[in-house]
Amino acid sequence: MKKIAIHTRPFEAEHIPYINQVLSQIKQEGIPIIISEKFEEEQQKWGLQIELEVFHSKDDLEDIDLMLSIGGDGTFLECVTLIQEREIPVLGINSGRLGFLATT
């Protein structure tokens, strides 16, 4: 696997341990991670010290194999908009109350 992209919207402090667990597992597998600007903003807001590459537009996602969406259905739809016509799978991890698209 070449690279995993992760996108999120604002999240609550209670989600930080789970997000760290996901990031740690991916890093343990030796897979590079690229995160959205929104994810980086959330990291800074919560004081997380994780150095990761940041993508600024859909053009920065040329060499990814998987997109993780951490949030709800709106976040999932934002990921699909970023992916557009590329055949890249999107895994939606629901961090909200109810998710029809982001059910994991």
Protein backbone atom coordinates (compact mmCIF):
# COMPACT_ATOMS: atom_id res chain seq x y z
CA MET A 1 0.00 0.00 0.00
CA LYS A 2 1.38 3.40 -1.00
CA LYS A 3 -0.45 5.87 1.24
CA ILE A 4 -3.61 6.42 3.29
CA ALA A 5 -5.38 9.79 3.37
CA ILE A 6 -7.43 10.79 6.41
CA HIS A 7 -10.08 13.50 6.55
CA THR A 8 -12.12 14.65 9.52
CA ARG A 9 -14.28 17.45 10.77
CA PRO A 10 -14.14 18.91 14.28
CA PHE A 11 -14.22 16.14 16.87
CA GLU A 12 -14.66 15.91 20.62
CA ALA A 13 -11.85 15.14 23.08
CA GLU A 14 -13.42 11.75 23.79
CA HIS A 15 -12.52 10.64 20.25
CA ILE A 16 -8.80 11.39 20.59
CA PRO A 17 -7.78 7.97 22.01
CA TYR A 18 -9.55 6.18 19.15
CA ILE A 19 -8.04 8.43 16.51
CA ASN A 20 -4.59 7.90 18.03
CA GLN A 21 -5.20 4.15 17.97
CA VAL A 22 -6.05 4.26 14.25
CA LEU A 23 -2.98 6.39 13.48
CA SER A 24 -0.71 4.15 15.56
CA GLN A 25 -1.91 0.99 13.83
CA ILE A 26 -1.37 2.48 10.37
CA LYS A 27 2.11 3.72 11.34
CA GLN A 28 2.94 0.31 12.85
CA GLU A 29 2.18 -1.26 9.47
CA GLY A 30 4.65 1.20 7.90
CA ILE A 31 2.04 2.87 5.70
CA PRO A 32 2.51 6.59 5.05
CA ILE A 33 -0.36 8.87 6.09
CA ILE A 34 -1.49 12.18 4.62
CA ILE A 35 -4.12 14.20 6.48
CA SER A 36 -6.50 16.99 5.49
CA GLU A 37 -6.04 20.59 6.59
CA LYS A 38 -9.14 20.17 8.78
CA PHE A 39 -7.55 17.20 10.54
CA GLU A 40 -4.38 19.23 11.11
CA GLU A 41 -6.46 22.07 12.60
CA GLU A 42 -8.10 19.62 15.00
CA GLN A 43 -4.71 18.24 16.04
CA GLN A 44 -3.51 21.74 16.85
CA LYS A 45 -6.74 22.55 18.71
CA TRP A 46 -6.31 19.52 20.98
CA GLY A 47 -2.54 19.89 21.33
CA LEU A 48 -1.69 16.61 19.62
CA GLN A 49 1.94 16.32 18.58
CA ILE A 50 1.68 14.14 15.50
CA GLU A 51 3.84 15.13 12.52
CA LEU A 52 2.04 14.08 9.34
CA GLU A 53 2.00 15.23 5.75
CA VAL A 54 -0.98 17.50 4.98
CA PHE A 55 -3.02 17.65 1.78
CA HIS A 56 -4.49 20.95 0.68
CA SER A 57 -6.54 19.93 -2.34
CA LYS A 58 -7.73 16.94 -4.33
CA ASP A 59 -4.62 17.26 -6.48
CA ASP A 60 -2.49 16.14 -3.53
CA LEU A 61 -4.29 12.79 -3.45
CA GLU A 62 -2.89 11.32 -6.66
CA ASP A 63 -0.93 8.49 -5.01
CA ILE A 64 -3.25 7.28 -2.25
CA ASP A 65 -4.76 3.81 -1.99
CA LEU A 66 -7.38 4.42 0.69
CA MET A 67 -9.27 7.37 2.19
CA LEU A 68 -10.42 7.24 5.81
CA SER A 69 -13.30 9.48 6.77
CA ILE A 70 -13.54 10.09 10.53
CA GLY A 71 -16.81 11.82 11.34
CA GLY A 72 -20.31 11.40 10.06
CA ASP A 73 -22.07 11.26 6.74
CA GLY A 74 -21.16 14.86 5.90
CA THR A 75 -17.47 14.09 6.36
CA PHE A 76 -17.87 10.98 4.22
CA LEU A 77 -19.45 13.04 1.43
CA GLU A 78 -16.58 15.55 1.63
CA CYS A 79 -14.17 12.64 1.12
CA VAL A 80 -16.08 11.44 -1.92
CA THR A 81 -15.91 14.98 -3.33
CA LEU A 82 -12.13 14.98 -2.83
CA ILE A 83 -11.73 11.57 -4.48
CA GLN A 84 -14.03 12.42 -7.40
CA GLU A 85 -13.63 10.05 -10.34
CA ARG A 86 -10.62 8.18 -8.92
CA GLU A 87 -11.30 4.59 -7.98
CA ILE A 88 -10.12 4.91 -4.38
CA PRO A 89 -12.07 3.16 -1.61
CA VAL A 90 -13.38 5.29 1.27
CA LEU A 91 -13.85 3.81 4.75
CA GLY A 92 -16.20 5.85 6.92
CA ILE A 93 -15.53 5.73 10.66
CA ASN A 94 -18.52 7.18 12.46
CA SER A 95 -17.69 9.45 15.40
CA GLY A 96 -21.15 10.91 15.72
CA ARG A 97 -24.55 9.75 16.81
CA LEU A 98 -25.97 8.22 13.66
CA GLY A 99 -24.35 7.36 10.37
CA PHE A 100 -25.85 5.85 7.26
CA LEU A 101 -22.71 6.14 5.11
CA ALA A 102 -20.07 6.18 7.85
CA THR A 103 -21.10 3.07 9.76
CA THR A 104 -17.78 1.60 10.99
